[in-house]
Protein backbone atom coordinates (compact mmCIF):
# COMPACT_ATOMS: atom_id res chain seq x y z
CA MET A 1 85.24 -112.55 126.95
CA SER A 2 88.00 -111.40 129.61
CA THR A 3 90.72 -113.01 127.67
CA ILE A 4 89.50 -111.17 124.58
CA TRP A 5 89.80 -108.18 126.61
CA TYR A 6 93.20 -108.77 127.75
CA ARG A 7 94.71 -109.75 124.70
CA CYS A 8 93.51 -106.40 123.10
CA PHE A 9 94.83 -104.18 125.78
CA ARG A 10 98.02 -106.12 125.46
CA GLN A 11 98.07 -105.30 121.45
CA LEU A 12 97.87 -101.60 122.22
CA ASN A 13 101.15 -102.06 124.20
CA ILE A 14 100.29 -98.56 126.54
CA PRO A 15 103.32 -97.52 128.78
CA VAL A 16 102.65 -97.26 132.15
CA ARG A 17 103.57 -93.95 132.03
CA GLY A 18 101.83 -92.19 129.10
CA ILE A 19 101.71 -88.42 127.48
CA LEU A 20 99.12 -88.79 125.38
CA THR A 21 95.64 -90.42 127.19
CA LEU A 22 93.65 -93.34 125.46
CA LYS A 23 90.14 -93.71 126.25
CA TYR A 24 88.34 -97.12 125.05
CA SER A 25 85.00 -97.61 125.38
CA THR A 26 82.60 -100.04 123.36
CA SER A 27 78.77 -99.70 122.15
CA CYS A 28 76.36 -102.64 121.94
CA HIS A 29 73.51 -102.57 119.33
CA GLN A 30 70.17 -104.32 119.61
CA PRO A 31 68.03 -105.25 116.40
CA SER A 32 64.62 -104.71 118.06
CA SER A 33 65.65 -101.26 119.33
CA LYS A 34 68.02 -98.10 117.71
CA SER A 35 69.20 -97.65 121.23
CA LYS A 36 72.86 -97.78 122.10
CA ILE A 37 74.40 -98.86 125.16
CA SER A 38 77.96 -97.76 126.07
CA PHE A 39 80.08 -99.11 128.53
CA CYS A 40 83.85 -99.15 129.82
CA HIS A 41 85.99 -102.01 130.50
CA GLN A 42 86.04 -102.91 133.83
CA PRO A 43 87.25 -105.93 135.52
CA SER A 44 84.12 -106.80 137.72
CA MET A 45 82.51 -106.41 134.56
CA HIS A 46 79.62 -109.16 133.56
CA PHE A 47 77.45 -109.53 129.89
CA GLN A 48 73.99 -110.34 130.34
CA PRO A 49 73.57 -113.78 128.43
CA GLY A 50 71.39 -114.05 125.75
CA LEU A 51 72.13 -110.15 124.19
CA SER A 52 73.08 -110.64 120.40
CA SER A 53 75.51 -107.44 120.62
CA ILE A 54 77.79 -105.90 118.32
CA PHE A 55 80.99 -104.69 119.63
CA GLU A 56 82.17 -101.36 117.98
CA PRO A 57 85.73 -100.15 119.60
CA ASN A 58 85.86 -96.62 120.10
CA LEU A 59 89.35 -95.16 120.58
CA ARG A 60 89.79 -91.43 121.33
CA LEU A 61 93.17 -90.25 122.12
CA THR A 62 93.31 -86.81 124.16
CA ALA A 63 95.56 -85.08 126.42
CA ASN A 64 93.19 -84.24 129.16
CA HIS A 65 92.35 -87.49 130.37
CA SER A 66 94.09 -90.54 132.13
CA ILE A 67 95.47 -93.37 130.12
CA ILE A 68 92.33 -95.74 130.29
CA ASP A 69 88.84 -94.59 131.38
CA MET A 70 88.57 -96.81 134.13
CA GLY A 71 86.14 -94.97 136.05
CA PHE A 72 88.20 -93.25 138.44
CA PRO A 73 88.25 -89.82 139.15
CA GLN A 74 90.25 -87.44 137.53
CA ILE A 75 92.77 -85.29 138.97
CA ARG A 76 93.30 -81.49 137.79
CA LYS A 77 96.13 -79.77 137.78
CA ILE A 78 94.35 -76.36 137.04
CA ASN A 79 92.72 -74.97 139.86
CA GLU A 80 89.05 -74.08 139.77
CA ILE A 81 87.37 -70.92 140.26
CA ILE A 82 85.55 -70.78 142.65
CA ASP A 83 82.11 -68.71 141.86
CA ASN A 84 80.10 -69.35 145.15
CA PRO A 85 82.98 -69.13 147.90
CA LYS A 86 81.74 -70.59 151.36
CA ASN A 87 83.40 -67.93 153.66
CA ILE A 88 82.13 -64.46 153.11
CA ASN A 89 83.06 -61.71 155.41
CA VAL A 90 80.17 -59.86 155.36
CA HIS A 91 81.43 -57.11 157.88
CA ILE A 92 82.65 -53.77 156.31
CA ILE A 93 85.83 -52.84 157.96
CA GLU A 94 85.58 -48.80 158.33
CA PRO A 95 89.21 -46.68 158.03
CA PRO A 96 90.46 -45.53 161.37
CA GLN A 97 89.52 -41.72 161.97
CA ILE A 98 92.17 -38.84 161.96
CA SER A 99 92.09 -37.54 165.58
CA GLN A 100 93.70 -34.43 164.61
CA SER A 101 91.58 -32.31 162.31
CA ILE A 102 93.31 -31.22 159.20
CA GLU A 103 92.41 -27.28 158.33
CA ASP A 104 93.91 -25.28 155.66
CA LYS A 105 96.45 -22.73 156.70
CA ILE A 106 95.51 -19.60 155.21
CA PRO A 107 98.79 -17.20 154.49
CA GLU A 108 98.57 -13.93 156.49
CA LYS A 109 100.05 -12.17 153.23
CA SER A 110 98.02 -11.11 150.89
CA LEU A 111 98.45 -10.35 147.31
CA ASP A 112 96.76 -6.99 145.47
CA LEU A 113 95.23 -7.74 142.48
CA PRO A 114 96.78 -5.17 139.62
CA THR A 115 94.38 -2.59 138.19
CA ILE A 116 92.57 -2.99 135.36
CA GLY A 117 92.65 0.73 134.09
CA VAL A 118 96.32 1.81 134.53
CA GLN A 119 99.24 0.05 132.68
CA ILE A 120 102.60 0.41 133.68
CA GLU A 121 105.37 0.84 131.48
CA LYS A 122 108.77 -0.59 131.58
CA GLN A 123 111.28 1.74 131.35
CA ALA A 124 114.79 1.09 130.60
CA ALA A 125 117.16 4.16 131.35
CA ARG A 126 120.19 2.54 129.98
CA LEU A 127 118.21 0.68 126.93
CA ILE A 128 120.30 2.48 123.97
CA VAL A 129 123.51 1.46 125.63
CA ILE A 130 122.94 -2.16 126.47
CA ARG A 131 121.80 -2.31 122.44
CA ARG A 132 124.68 -0.69 121.27
CA ARG A 133 127.09 -2.85 123.33
CA LYS A 134 124.81 -5.89 121.92
CA MET A 135 125.03 -4.83 118.67
CA LYS A 136 128.78 -3.96 118.69
CA LYS A 137 129.25 -7.89 119.98
CA HIS A 138 127.09 -9.05 117.12
CA LYS A 139 129.20 -7.26 114.86
CA ARG A 140 132.63 -8.18 116.16
CA ARG A 141 131.57 -11.99 116.12
CA LYS A 142 130.23 -12.00 112.33
CA MET A 143 133.30 -10.16 111.09
CA ARG A 144 135.35 -12.67 112.79
CA LYS A 145 133.62 -15.42 111.19
CA ARG A 146 133.89 -13.56 107.85
CA LEU A 147 137.43 -12.99 108.40
CA THR A 148 138.59 -16.39 109.73
CA TYR A 149 141.22 -17.29 107.05
CA VAL A 150 142.20 -13.82 107.15
CA LEU A 151 143.03 -13.65 110.97
CA ARG A 152 144.54 -16.81 110.62
CA LYS A 153 147.33 -15.84 108.15
CA ILE A 154 148.16 -12.78 110.33
CA LYS A 155 148.44 -15.08 113.48
CA GLY A 156 150.87 -17.36 111.29
CA LYS A 157 152.77 -14.54 110.14
CA ARG A 158 153.39 -13.20 113.55
CA GLU A 159 154.41 -16.33 114.94
CA LEU A 160 157.02 -16.57 112.08
CA ASN A 161 158.02 -13.04 112.58
CA ARG A 162 158.54 -14.15 116.57
CA GLU A 163 160.54 -17.14 115.74
CA LYS A 164 162.66 -15.45 113.09
CA ALA A 165 164.01 -12.82 115.68
CA PHE A 166 164.50 -15.50 118.13
CA HIS A 167 166.62 -17.41 116.13
CA GLU A 168 168.70 -14.45 115.33
CA GLU A 169 169.16 -13.95 118.90
CA LEU A 170 170.45 -17.17 119.44
CA LEU A 171 173.11 -16.71 116.34
CA VAL A 172 174.44 -13.61 117.90
CA GLN A 173 174.96 -15.37 121.10
CA ILE A 174 176.74 -18.19 119.40
CA ARG A 175 179.26 -15.95 117.60
CA ALA A 176 179.86 -14.08 121.12
CA ALA A 177 180.47 -17.66 122.73
CA GLU A 178 183.12 -18.44 119.63
CA LYS A 179 184.78 -14.88 120.24
CA PHE A 180 185.08 -15.63 123.99
CA ASN A 181 188.81 -15.40 125.69
CA ALA A 182 189.01 -17.64 129.04
CA LYS A 183 192.10 -16.28 129.73
CA GLU A 184 191.52 -12.81 129.16
CA TYR A 185 188.37 -13.02 131.64
CA VAL A 186 190.38 -14.36 134.18
CA ALA A 187 192.93 -11.76 134.51
CA SER A 188 190.34 -9.00 134.28
CA ARG A 189 189.00 -10.44 137.20
CA LEU A 190 192.03 -10.95 139.04
CA GLU A 191 192.95 -7.30 138.22
CA ILE A 192 189.78 -6.02 139.53
CA LEU A 193 190.34 -7.89 142.79
CA ASP A 194 194.19 -6.93 143.09
CA LYS A 195 193.28 -3.05 142.72
CA GLU A 196 194.11 -1.18 145.88
CA ARG A 197 190.47 0.41 146.97
CA VAL A 198 191.30 4.12 148.22
CA PRO A 199 187.96 5.51 150.61
CA LEU A 200 186.06 8.86 149.73
CA LYS A 201 186.60 9.88 153.05
CA TRP A 202 189.25 10.16 155.35
CA GLN A 203 188.13 10.26 159.26
CA GLY A 204 184.92 11.55 157.97
CA VAL A 205 186.59 14.62 156.00
CA ILE A 206 186.24 14.33 151.68
CA LEU A 207 189.50 14.68 150.84
CA PRO A 208 190.93 14.27 147.39
CA GLU A 209 192.15 10.70 146.09
CA GLU A 210 195.92 11.49 146.03
CA MET A 211 195.77 13.43 149.52
CA ILE A 212 194.37 10.21 151.38
CA ARG A 213 196.71 7.79 149.57
CA LYS A 214 199.46 9.84 151.31
CA LEU A 215 197.93 9.64 154.34
CA ILE A 216 197.18 5.76 153.73
CA LYS A 217 200.81 5.51 153.12
CA ASP A 218 202.62 7.50 156.46
CA LYS A 219 200.21 5.41 158.85
CA ARG A 220 201.37 2.24 157.55
CA GLU A 221 205.06 3.30 157.94
CA LYS A 222 204.55 4.96 161.59
CA GLU A 223 202.92 0.97 162.13
CA GLU A 224 206.15 -0.46 160.92
CA GLN A 225 208.34 1.64 162.96
CA LYS A 226 206.52 0.74 165.95
CA ARG A 227 207.18 -2.99 165.42
CA ASN A 228 210.71 -2.65 164.26
CA LYS A 229 211.76 -0.63 167.30
CA PRO A 230 215.76 -0.84 168.21
CA ARG A 231 216.31 -3.27 171.11
CA LEU A 232 219.67 -3.78 172.81
CA ALA A 233 220.97 -7.03 172.29
CA LEU A 234 222.97 -8.46 175.56
């Protein structure tokens, strides 16, 4: 009988490490009674002689059991929830007491409640002036929004007139540069430099220009005579 079981096990071709679990069990029926006896294959199992039993294979593929139900205890990966824990801490830990007492700080200043009967009116001395200023500002914005394109046209004309005046000034400068004569300019500068400058005063006295010229000439002649004194030659 053991050889039959060994052949059946070899025909199943179950790998050593399988994902799907295979459970094999058989049941024997007795003709006298309708009771059913189910058992699993074990290597040390012996059948009772004299029993006319009919074996019915029962194969079940499940993912939560071992490959073959050999009667060994199963290892569960999911931890079971402990409904009745063994170690129970009966003592309740009380919260720490606060040494310093916390008191609500009452403000020293107090606010008086408004009176029910008398109502204070809101007064504005310059309310009309402020309103007029706001209305002017509002109307100015409204007018600018309405005359947007007209104002742009006026601004464009002003810029165009400014550009025309600038070009005219440039043309005048170009014409003056074309008429410029360098020789005449240099001669006029030299004439100004060579011109004798006559002072307005002579020894702190205002005199006419001709008299001052004559006095200057006499002074120069006296200086030349002092330089060119006649000397005796040996």
